[in-house]
Amino acid sequence: MSQSKVSRAKKPAQRKPSTAGKSTRAGKPATARKASTARKSSTARKATASRSPSRRTGHNAVGPREKRTISTLEFLQQAARKMSESSSIKAIYDGRLDEGFREQLMVAVAFQNQAPYCNWVHRVWASLAGVSDEQLENIEQLNLDDLDPEVATAVLYVRALVSSEWQDVPHDLRQQMHEHFTWREINDIELIANSMDFGNRGANTWDAMHARLKGQPMEDSDLVSEVFFSYLIPPLFPNRLRKVSRLTGISVLEAAQNLVSHRQQFNRQAAPTGDSQ
């Protein structure tokens, strides 16, 4: 999986979660809003508003959803690379990207990768950050007109990157990203989406073992990698379920039941591949 062509940098401003109305990137402090305003002239802001992506643009930019897996060798190579990015990822989670905005992007990537476990967990985190189920549905179904222009553009961008396997995105979409975001913000958006893609593919490879045991092996998956992830992924679930239980007030058992129900519904909607967009 190749890295995006946009160079990485640091982002200065912190966002606060949005809790009502259209999904936003938003909640910048007054000083950050002033800095953002200074970056754009009145003419540029008008151009940005007029260039919000449409649903039609979305379907042209984003390829079919695919349940992508990863080999053990590629996983280890990517994991080594992620070590060098750990400080930037920590900074993003410490507030360099608004929590609600970050989780919306992660839900979008997991949906594009047909990763039900990751999609469920990050839907929960997004809800806790103030993002409504309706907003998440709009993100998944690319109902771009119902999203804040900045969120719509970022969602479209990360899904286009994932569906192209991080090769490139349409020029006009990249241009819209630069109208809405600084270079630093784009770098953080790409980094969090790339990290989510990495995790999705690992979980999907474990899921491929389930398919193999049912006599339906996935074409792009191998048995050795499936066995590897069958040891790596399951131990993560108890911690995730306990965290969901603690933050939402439901029991661990209820959280597990919700996850199973979500997986079943998610997989029904995903068949045949690509049709649920």
C-alpha atoms as a PDB file:
ATOM      1  CA  MET A   1       0.000   0.000   0.000  1.00  0.00           C
ATOM      2  CA  SER A   2       1.738   3.147  -1.168  1.00  0.00           C
ATOM      3  CA  GLN A   3       1.721   6.393   0.796  1.00  0.00           C
ATOM      4  CA  SER A   4      -0.216   9.434  -0.395  1.00  0.00           C
ATOM      5  CA  LYS A   5       1.604  11.981  -2.527  1.00  0.00           C
ATOM      6  CA  VAL A   6       0.817  14.897  -0.201  1.00  0.00           C
ATOM      7  CA  SER A   7       3.786  15.611   2.077  1.00  0.00           C
ATOM      8  CA  ARG A   8       3.247  15.370   5.846  1.00  0.00           C
ATOM      9  CA  ALA A   9       3.332  18.271   8.311  1.00  0.00           C
ATOM     10  CA  LYS A  10       2.015  19.378  11.707  1.00  0.00           C
ATOM     11  CA  LYS A  11      -1.310  21.075  12.361  1.00  0.00           C
ATOM     12  CA  PRO A  12      -1.588  23.920  14.869  1.00  0.00           C
ATOM     13  CA  ALA A  13      -5.271  24.409  15.641  1.00  0.00           C
ATOM     14  CA  GLN A  14      -7.547  22.212  17.764  1.00  0.00           C
ATOM     15  CA  ARG A  15     -11.173  21.576  16.900  1.00  0.00           C
ATOM     16  CA  LYS A  16     -14.109  20.941  19.214  1.00  0.00           C
ATOM     17  CA  PRO A  17     -16.851  18.410  18.426  1.00  0.00           C
ATOM     18  CA  SER A  18     -19.995  19.478  16.597  1.00  0.00           C
ATOM     19  CA  THR A  19     -23.224  18.235  18.147  1.00  0.00           C
ATOM     20  CA  ALA A  20     -26.151  19.549  16.136  1.00  0.00           C
ATOM     21  CA  GLY A  21     -27.473  20.213  12.667  1.00  0.00           C
ATOM     22  CA  LYS A  22     -25.301  19.284   9.744  1.00  0.00           C
ATOM     23  CA  SER A  23     -22.150  17.312  10.365  1.00  0.00           C
ATOM     24  CA  THR A  24     -19.221  19.712  10.725  1.00  0.00           C
ATOM     25  CA  ARG A  25     -15.489  19.610  11.031  1.00  0.00           C
ATOM     26  CA  ALA A  26     -15.742  22.384  13.326  1.00  0.00           C
ATOM     27  CA  GLY A  27     -15.848  24.060  16.700  1.00  0.00           C
ATOM     28  CA  LYS A  28     -12.613  26.004  16.252  1.00  0.00           C
ATOM     29  CA  PRO A  29     -11.602  28.412  19.046  1.00  0.00           C
ATOM     30  CA  ALA A  30     -11.963  32.117  18.242  1.00  0.00           C
ATOM     31  CA  THR A  31      -8.228  32.512  17.631  1.00  0.00           C
ATOM     32  CA  ALA A  32      -8.221  29.570  15.235  1.00  0.00           C
ATOM     33  CA  ARG A  33     -11.238  30.958  13.397  1.00  0.00           C
ATOM     34  CA  LYS A  34      -9.447  34.287  12.988  1.00  0.00           C
ATOM     35  CA  ALA A  35      -6.353  32.520  11.664  1.00  0.00           C
ATOM     36  CA  SER A  36      -8.475  30.513   9.258  1.00  0.00           C
ATOM     37  CA  THR A  37     -10.244  33.657   8.083  1.00  0.00           C
ATOM     38  CA  ALA A  38      -6.934  35.362   7.501  1.00  0.00           C
ATOM     39  CA  ARG A  39      -5.847  32.519   5.259  1.00  0.00           C
ATOM     40  CA  LYS A  40      -8.735  32.989   2.861  1.00  0.00           C
ATOM     41  CA  SER A  41      -9.967  36.077   1.113  1.00  0.00           C
ATOM     42  CA  SER A  42     -13.693  36.695   0.700  1.00  0.00           C
ATOM     43  CA  THR A  43     -13.436  35.576  -2.912  1.00  0.00           C
ATOM     44  CA  ALA A  44     -11.711  32.343  -1.937  1.00  0.00           C
ATOM     45  CA  ARG A  45     -14.380  31.530   0.649  1.00  0.00           C
ATOM     46  CA  LYS A  46     -17.119  31.991  -1.939  1.00  0.00           C
ATOM     47  CA  ALA A  47     -15.259  29.736  -4.341  1.00  0.00           C
ATOM     48  CA  THR A  48     -14.927  27.108  -1.629  1.00  0.00           C
ATOM     49  CA  ALA A  49     -18.637  27.128  -0.870  1.00  0.00           C
ATOM     50  CA  SER A  50     -19.505  26.766  -4.536  1.00  0.00           C
ATOM     51  CA  ARG A  51     -17.147  23.815  -4.918  1.00  0.00           C
ATOM     52  CA  SER A  52     -18.675  21.540  -2.310  1.00  0.00           C
ATOM     53  CA  PRO A  53     -18.779  18.017  -3.804  1.00  0.00           C
ATOM     54  CA  SER A  54     -22.066  16.629  -5.049  1.00  0.00           C
ATOM     55  CA  ARG A  55     -23.357  13.070  -4.660  1.00  0.00           C
ATOM     56  CA  ARG A  56     -22.693  12.508  -8.349  1.00  0.00           C
ATOM     57  CA  THR A  57     -19.111  13.697  -7.931  1.00  0.00           C
ATOM     58  CA  GLY A  58     -18.787  11.295  -5.010  1.00  0.00           C
ATOM     59  CA  HIS A  59     -19.768   8.230  -6.957  1.00  0.00           C
ATOM     60  CA  ASN A  60     -17.413   9.220  -9.770  1.00  0.00           C
ATOM     61  CA  ALA A  61     -14.472   9.684  -7.383  1.00  0.00           C
ATOM     62  CA  VAL A  62     -15.021   6.670  -5.119  1.00  0.00           C
ATOM     63  CA  GLY A  63     -14.643   3.126  -6.415  1.00  0.00           C
ATOM     64  CA  PRO A  64     -16.701   0.118  -5.288  1.00  0.00           C
ATOM     65  CA  ARG A  65     -16.427  -0.954  -1.677  1.00  0.00           C
ATOM     66  CA  GLU A  66     -14.078  -3.906  -1.222  1.00  0.00           C
ATOM     67  CA  LYS A  67     -13.314  -6.142   1.759  1.00  0.00           C
ATOM     68  CA  ARG A  68      -9.558  -5.702   1.469  1.00  0.00           C
ATOM     69  CA  THR A  69      -7.183  -7.947   3.407  1.00  0.00           C
ATOM     70  CA  ILE A  70      -3.448  -7.821   4.140  1.00  0.00           C
ATOM     71  CA  SER A  71      -0.662 -10.406   4.138  1.00  0.00           C
ATOM     72  CA  THR A  72       1.433 -11.046   7.232  1.00  0.00           C
ATOM     73  CA  LEU A  73       4.548  -9.698   5.501  1.00  0.00           C
ATOM     74  CA  GLU A  74       2.863  -6.471   4.388  1.00  0.00           C
ATOM     75  CA  PHE A  75       1.356  -6.036   7.849  1.00  0.00           C
ATOM     76  CA  LEU A  76       4.771  -6.266   9.509  1.00  0.00           C
ATOM     77  CA  GLN A  77       6.257  -3.833   6.991  1.00  0.00           C
ATOM     78  CA  GLN A  78       3.427  -1.372   7.550  1.00  0.00           C
ATOM     79  CA  ALA A  79       3.653  -1.795  11.335  1.00  0.00           C
ATOM     80  CA  ALA A  80       7.334  -0.843  11.233  1.00  0.00           C
ATOM     81  CA  ARG A  81       6.473   2.261   9.232  1.00  0.00           C
ATOM     82  CA  LYS A  82       3.707   3.170  11.670  1.00  0.00           C
ATOM     83  CA  MET A  83       6.252   3.256  14.491  1.00  0.00           C
ATOM     84  CA  SER A  84       7.795   6.352  12.926  1.00  0.00           C
ATOM     85  CA  GLU A  85       4.349   7.974  12.739  1.00  0.00           C
ATOM     86  CA  SER A  86       3.337   7.221  16.326  1.00  0.00           C
ATOM     87  CA  SER A  87       4.070  10.717  17.666  1.00  0.00           C
ATOM     88  CA  SER A  88       1.923  12.326  14.956  1.00  0.00           C
ATOM     89  CA  ILE A  89      -0.915   9.861  15.562  1.00  0.00           C
ATOM     90  CA  LYS A  90      -0.748  10.581  19.303  1.00  0.00           C
ATOM     91  CA  ALA A  91      -0.903  14.327  18.597  1.00  0.00           C
ATOM     92  CA  ILE A  92      -4.013  13.793  16.463  1.00  0.00           C
ATOM     93  CA  TYR A  93      -5.699  11.877  19.300  1.00  0.00           C
ATOM     94  CA  ASP A  94      -4.570  14.493  21.798  1.00  0.00           C
ATOM     95  CA  GLY A  95      -6.603  17.112  19.939  1.00  0.00           C
ATOM     96  CA  ARG A  96      -4.803  18.114  16.764  1.00  0.00           C
ATOM     97  CA  LEU A  97      -7.897  16.884  14.919  1.00  0.00           C
ATOM     98  CA  ASP A  98     -11.340  17.386  16.409  1.00  0.00           C
ATOM     99  CA  GLU A  99     -12.561  14.089  17.872  1.00  0.00           C
ATOM    100  CA  GLY A 100     -15.908  14.091  16.070  1.00  0.00           C
ATOM    101  CA  PHE A 101     -14.316  14.979  12.736  1.00  0.00           C
ATOM    102  CA  ARG A 102     -11.662  12.284  13.184  1.00  0.00           C
ATOM    103  CA  GLU A 103     -14.211   9.587  13.991  1.00  0.00           C
ATOM    104  CA  GLN A 104     -16.378  10.496  11.002  1.00  0.00           C
ATOM    105  CA  LEU A 105     -13.376   9.913   8.740  1.00  0.00           C
ATOM    106  CA  MET A 106     -12.637   6.583  10.398  1.00  0.00           C
ATOM    107  CA  VAL A 107     -16.240   5.446  10.012  1.00  0.00           C
ATOM    108  CA  ALA A 108     -16.018   6.401   6.326  1.00  0.00           C
ATOM    109  CA  VAL A 109     -12.825   4.395   5.768  1.00  0.00           C
ATOM    110  CA  ALA A 110     -14.144   1.326   7.613  1.00  0.00           C
ATOM    111  CA  PHE A 111     -17.334   1.432   5.559  1.00  0.00           C
ATOM    112  CA  GLN A 112     -15.345   1.685   2.316  1.00  0.00           C
ATOM    113  CA  ASN A 113     -13.240  -1.320   3.383  1.00  0.00           C
ATOM    114  CA  GLN A 114     -16.292  -3.360   4.445  1.00  0.00           C
ATOM    115  CA  ALA A 115     -14.793  -3.719   7.926  1.00  0.00           C
ATOM    116  CA  PRO A 116     -17.779  -4.334  10.261  1.00  0.00           C
ATOM    117  CA  TYR A 117     -15.900  -4.559  13.573  1.00  0.00           C
ATOM    118  CA  CYS A 118     -13.977  -1.312  13.052  1.00  0.00           C
ATOM    119  CA  ASN A 119     -17.076   0.384  11.668  1.00  0.00           C
ATOM    120  CA  TRP A 120     -19.069  -0.506  14.787  1.00  0.00           C
ATOM    121  CA  VAL A 121     -16.422   0.624  17.280  1.00  0.00           C
ATOM    122  CA  HIS A 122     -15.842   3.963  15.572  1.00  0.00           C
ATOM    123  CA  ARG A 123     -19.565   4.564  15.175  1.00  0.00           C
ATOM    124  CA  VAL A 124     -19.753   4.287  18.964  1.00  0.00           C
ATOM    125  CA  TRP A 125     -16.836   6.711  19.425  1.00  0.00           C
ATOM    126  CA  ALA A 126     -18.391   9.120  16.912  1.00  0.00           C
ATOM    127  CA  SER A 127     -21.712   9.028  18.769  1.00  0.00           C
ATOM    128  CA  LEU A 128     -19.953   9.770  22.043  1.00  0.00           C
ATOM    129  CA  ALA A 129     -18.304  12.754  20.331  1.00  0.00           C
ATOM    130  CA  GLY A 130     -21.727  14.149  19.409  1.00  0.00           C
ATOM    131  CA  VAL A 131     -22.153  12.827  15.859  1.00  0.00           C
ATOM    132  CA  SER A 132     -25.698  11.612  15.134  1.00  0.00           C
ATOM    133  CA  ASP A 133     -26.589   8.286  13.515  1.00  0.00           C
ATOM    134  CA  GLU A 134     -28.163  10.256  10.675  1.00  0.00           C
ATOM    135  CA  GLN A 135     -24.871  12.036  10.018  1.00  0.00           C
ATOM    136  CA  LEU A 136     -22.993   8.735   9.989  1.00  0.00           C
ATOM    137  CA  GLU A 137     -25.536   7.270   7.581  1.00  0.00           C
ATOM    138  CA  ASN A 138     -25.028  10.247   5.264  1.00  0.00           C
ATOM    139  CA  ILE A 139     -21.273   9.664   5.384  1.00  0.00           C
ATOM    140  CA  GLU A 140     -21.615   5.986   4.547  1.00  0.00           C
ATOM    141  CA  GLN A 141     -24.139   6.475   1.760  1.00  0.00           C
ATOM    142  CA  LEU A 142     -22.327   9.546   0.358  1.00  0.00           C
ATOM    143  CA  ASN A 143     -25.310  11.836   0.893  1.00  0.00           C
ATOM    144  CA  LEU A 144     -22.918  14.739   0.499  1.00  0.00           C
ATOM    145  CA  ASP A 145     -25.543  17.477   0.229  1.00  0.00           C
ATOM    146  CA  ASP A 146     -26.578  16.710   3.822  1.00  0.00           C
ATOM    147  CA  LEU A 147     -23.063  17.190   5.207  1.00  0.00           C
ATOM    148  CA  ASP A 148     -21.029  20.262   5.996  1.00  0.00           C
ATOM    149  CA  PRO A 149     -18.923  21.036   2.858  1.00  0.00           C
ATOM    150  CA  GLU A 150     -15.638  20.489   4.707  1.00  0.00           C
ATOM    151  CA  VAL A 151     -16.742  17.118   6.095  1.00  0.00           C
ATOM    152  CA  ALA A 152     -18.206  16.071   2.735  1.00  0.00           C
ATOM    153  CA  THR A 153     -14.952  16.893   0.949  1.00  0.00           C
ATOM    154  CA  ALA A 154     -12.773  15.100   3.511  1.00  0.00           C
ATOM    155  CA  VAL A 155     -15.005  12.008   3.544  1.00  0.00           C
ATOM    156  CA  LEU A 156     -14.962  11.848  -0.229  1.00  0.00           C
ATOM    157  CA  TYR A 157     -11.193  12.311  -0.263  1.00  0.00           C
ATOM    158  CA  VAL A 158     -10.354   9.492   2.164  1.00  0.00           C
ATOM    159  CA  ARG A 159     -12.767   7.083   0.503  1.00  0.00           C
ATOM    160  CA  ALA A 160     -11.282   7.916  -2.908  1.00  0.00           C
ATOM    161  CA  LEU A 161      -7.773   7.286  -1.560  1.00  0.00           C
ATOM    162  CA  VAL A 162      -8.774   3.937  -0.072  1.00  0.00           C
ATOM    163  CA  SER A 163     -10.644   2.764  -3.174  1.00  0.00           C
ATOM    164  CA  SER A 164      -7.635   3.659  -5.361  1.00  0.00           C
ATOM    165  CA  GLU A 165      -5.338   1.815  -2.920  1.00  0.00           C
ATOM    166  CA  TRP A 166      -3.583   5.092  -2.126  1.00  0.00           C
ATOM    167  CA  GLN A 167      -2.532   5.764  -5.701  1.00  0.00           C
ATOM    168  CA  ASP A 168      -4.217   9.093  -6.388  1.00  0.00           C
ATOM    169  CA  VAL A 169      -7.538  10.945  -6.450  1.00  0.00           C
ATOM    170  CA  PRO A 170      -9.166  13.133  -9.125  1.00  0.00           C
ATOM    171  CA  HIS A 171      -7.445  16.490  -9.558  1.00  0.00           C
ATOM    172  CA  ASP A 172     -10.591  18.514  -8.837  1.00  0.00           C
ATOM    173  CA  LEU A 173     -11.140  16.664  -5.544  1.00  0.00           C
ATOM    174  CA  ARG A 174      -7.564  17.322  -4.469  1.00  0.00           C
ATOM    175  CA  GLN A 175      -8.063  20.986  -5.371  1.00  0.00           C
ATOM    176  CA  GLN A 176     -11.214  21.131  -3.241  1.00  0.00           C
ATOM    177  CA  MET A 177      -9.253  19.708  -0.314  1.00  0.00           C
ATOM    178  CA  HIS A 178      -6.777  22.577  -0.597  1.00  0.00           C
ATOM    179  CA  GLU A 179      -9.655  25.071  -0.708  1.00  0.00           C
ATOM    180  CA  HIS A 180     -11.059  23.731   2.560  1.00  0.00           C
ATOM    181  CA  PHE A 181      -7.939  22.658   4.451  1.00  0.00           C
ATOM    182  CA  THR A 182      -4.323  23.649   5.017  1.00  0.00           C
ATOM    183  CA  TRP A 183      -1.464  21.346   4.043  1.00  0.00           C
ATOM    184  CA  ARG A 184      -1.076  20.420   7.708  1.00  0.00           C
ATOM    185  CA  GLU A 185      -4.725  19.447   8.022  1.00  0.00           C
ATOM    186  CA  ILE A 186      -4.580  17.356   4.850  1.00  0.00           C
ATOM    187  CA  ASN A 187      -1.543  15.511   6.194  1.00  0.00           C
ATOM    188  CA  ASP A 188      -3.383  14.652   9.412  1.00  0.00           C
ATOM    189  CA  ILE A 189      -6.489  13.569   7.500  1.00  0.00           C
ATOM    190  CA  GLU A 190      -4.385  11.255   5.347  1.00  0.00           C
ATOM    191  CA  LEU A 191      -2.481   9.863   8.318  1.00  0.00           C
ATOM    192  CA  ILE A 192      -5.574   8.965  10.321  1.00  0.00           C
ATOM    193  CA  ALA A 193      -7.262   7.461   7.241  1.00  0.00           C
ATOM    194  CA  ASN A 194      -4.152   5.433   6.416  1.00  0.00           C
ATOM    195  CA  SER A 195      -3.956   4.114   9.977  1.00  0.00           C
ATOM    196  CA  MET A 196      -7.619   3.130   9.852  1.00  0.00           C
ATOM    197  CA  ASP A 197      -7.117   1.399   6.512  1.00  0.00           C
ATOM    198  CA  PHE A 198      -4.233  -0.563   8.031  1.00  0.00           C
ATOM    199  CA  GLY A 199      -6.367  -1.738  10.954  1.00  0.00           C
ATOM    200  CA  ASN A 200      -9.362  -2.538   8.742  1.00  0.00           C
ATOM    201  CA  ARG A 201      -7.358  -4.843   6.529  1.00  0.00           C
ATOM    202  CA  GLY A 202      -5.993  -6.761   9.511  1.00  0.00           C
ATOM    203  CA  ALA A 203      -9.471  -7.295  10.963  1.00  0.00           C
ATOM    204  CA  ASN A 204     -10.778  -8.272   7.522  1.00  0.00           C
ATOM    205  CA  THR A 205      -8.052 -10.922   7.215  1.00  0.00           C
ATOM    206  CA  TRP A 206      -9.206 -12.461  10.477  1.00  0.00           C
ATOM    207  CA  ASP A 207     -12.773 -12.301   9.155  1.00  0.00           C
ATOM    208  CA  ALA A 208     -11.538 -14.132   6.042  1.00  0.00           C
ATOM    209  CA  MET A 209     -10.771 -17.140   8.250  1.00  0.00           C
ATOM    210  CA  HIS A 210     -14.464 -17.313   9.152  1.00  0.00           C
ATOM    211  CA  ALA A 211     -15.324 -17.334   5.452  1.00  0.00           C
ATOM    212  CA  ARG A 212     -12.749 -20.068   4.795  1.00  0.00           C
ATOM    213  CA  LEU A 213     -14.203 -22.249   7.549  1.00  0.00           C
ATOM    214  CA  LYS A 214     -17.591 -21.890   5.850  1.00  0.00           C
ATOM    215  CA  GLY A 215     -16.091 -23.109   2.577  1.00  0.00           C
ATOM    216  CA  GLN A 216     -16.014 -19.632   1.024  1.00  0.00           C
ATOM    217  CA  PRO A 217     -12.344 -18.539   1.057  1.00  0.00           C
ATOM    218  CA  MET A 218     -11.678 -14.962   0.005  1.00  0.00           C
ATOM    219  CA  GLU A 219      -9.801 -14.708  -3.278  1.00  0.00           C
ATOM    220  CA  ASP A 220      -7.101 -12.262  -2.122  1.00  0.00           C
ATOM    221  CA  SER A 221      -6.461 -13.820   1.285  1.00  0.00           C
ATOM    222  CA  ASP A 222      -4.047 -16.589   2.308  1.00  0.00           C
ATOM    223  CA  LEU A 223      -4.331 -19.169   5.065  1.00  0.00           C
ATOM    224  CA  VAL A 224      -1.052 -18.275   6.799  1.00  0.00           C
ATOM    225  CA  SER A 225      -2.110 -14.643   7.203  1.00  0.00           C
ATOM    226  CA  GLU A 226      -5.571 -15.659   8.375  1.00  0.00           C
ATOM    227  CA  VAL A 227      -4.053 -17.864  11.083  1.00  0.00           C
ATOM    228  CA  PHE A 228      -1.704 -15.026  12.109  1.00  0.00           C
ATOM    229  CA  PHE A 229      -4.576 -12.572  12.535  1.00  0.00           C
ATOM    230  CA  SER A 230      -6.699 -15.195  14.285  1.00  0.00           C
ATOM    231  CA  TYR A 231      -4.132 -15.000  17.092  1.00  0.00           C
ATOM    232  CA  LEU A 232      -3.643 -11.229  16.889  1.00  0.00           C
ATOM    233  CA  ILE A 233      -7.174  -9.780  16.622  1.00  0.00           C
ATOM    234  CA  PRO A 234      -9.442 -11.680  19.091  1.00  0.00           C
ATOM    235  CA  PRO A 235      -7.490 -10.631  22.232  1.00  0.00           C
ATOM    236  CA  LEU A 236      -8.290  -6.997  21.374  1.00  0.00           C
ATOM    237  CA  PHE A 237     -12.047  -7.462  21.688  1.00  0.00           C
ATOM    238  CA  PRO A 238     -12.428  -7.775  25.490  1.00  0.00           C
ATOM    239  CA  ASN A 239     -10.690  -4.428  26.018  1.00  0.00           C
ATOM    240  CA  ARG A 240     -12.785  -2.717  23.332  1.00  0.00           C
ATOM    241  CA  LEU A 241     -16.025  -4.138  24.706  1.00  0.00           C
ATOM    242  CA  ARG A 242     -15.153  -3.105  28.269  1.00  0.00           C
ATOM    243  CA  LYS A 243     -14.347   0.407  27.068  1.00  0.00           C
ATOM    244  CA  VAL A 244     -17.657   0.648  25.188  1.00  0.00           C
ATOM    245  CA  SER A 245     -19.441  -0.627  28.299  1.00  0.00           C
ATOM    246  CA  ARG A 246     -17.729   1.914  30.552  1.00  0.00           C
ATOM    247  CA  LEU A 247     -18.359   4.901  28.280  1.00  0.00           C
ATOM    248  CA  THR A 248     -21.923   4.095  27.232  1.00  0.00           C
ATOM    249  CA  GLY A 249     -23.274   2.577  30.440  1.00  0.00           C
ATOM    250  CA  ILE A 250     -24.364  -0.710  28.866  1.00  0.00           C
ATOM    251  CA  SER A 251     -23.125  -4.124  29.993  1.00  0.00           C
ATOM    252  CA  VAL A 252     -20.229  -5.884  28.292  1.00  0.00           C
ATOM    253  CA  LEU A 253     -22.646  -8.603  27.191  1.00  0.00           C
ATOM    254  CA  GLU A 254     -24.976  -6.051  25.614  1.00  0.00           C
ATOM    255  CA  ALA A 255     -22.029  -4.416  23.859  1.00  0.00           C
ATOM    256  CA  ALA A 256     -20.997  -7.805  22.461  1.00  0.00           C
ATOM    257  CA  GLN A 257     -24.555  -8.485  21.295  1.00  0.00           C
ATOM    258  CA  ASN A 258     -24.675  -5.082  19.602  1.00  0.00           C
ATOM    259  CA  LEU A 259     -21.413  -5.845  17.803  1.00  0.00           C
ATOM    260  CA  VAL A 260     -22.675  -9.212  16.554  1.00  0.00           C
ATOM    261  CA  SER A 261     -25.941  -7.649  15.391  1.00  0.00           C
ATOM    262  CA  HIS A 262     -24.081  -4.842  13.619  1.00  0.00           C
ATOM    263  CA  ARG A 263     -21.772  -7.313  11.870  1.00  0.00           C
ATOM    264  CA  GLN A 264     -24.695  -9.365  10.598  1.00  0.00           C
ATOM    265  CA  GLN A 265     -26.576  -6.327   9.300  1.00  0.00           C
ATOM    266  CA  PHE A 266     -23.401  -4.784   7.865  1.00  0.00           C
ATOM    267  CA  ASN A 267     -22.511  -7.934   5.918  1.00  0.00           C
ATOM    268  CA  ARG A 268     -26.050  -8.289   4.557  1.00  0.00           C
ATOM    269  CA  GLN A 269     -25.904  -4.736   3.237  1.00  0.00           C
ATOM    270  CA  ALA A 270     -22.451  -5.315   1.733  1.00  0.00           C
ATOM    271  CA  ALA A 271     -23.521  -8.193  -0.530  1.00  0.00           C
ATOM    272  CA  PRO A 272     -22.962  -8.131  -3.422  1.00  0.00           C
ATOM    273  CA  THR A 273     -19.745  -6.142  -3.056  1.00  0.00           C
ATOM    274  CA  GLY A 274     -20.031  -2.528  -4.119  1.00  0.00           C
ATOM    275  CA  ASP A 275     -23.802  -2.422  -4.504  1.00  0.00           C
ATOM    276  CA  SER A 276     -24.489  -0.719  -1.181  1.00  0.00           C
ATOM    277  CA  GLN A 277     -23.079   2.589  -2.258  1.00  0.00           C
END
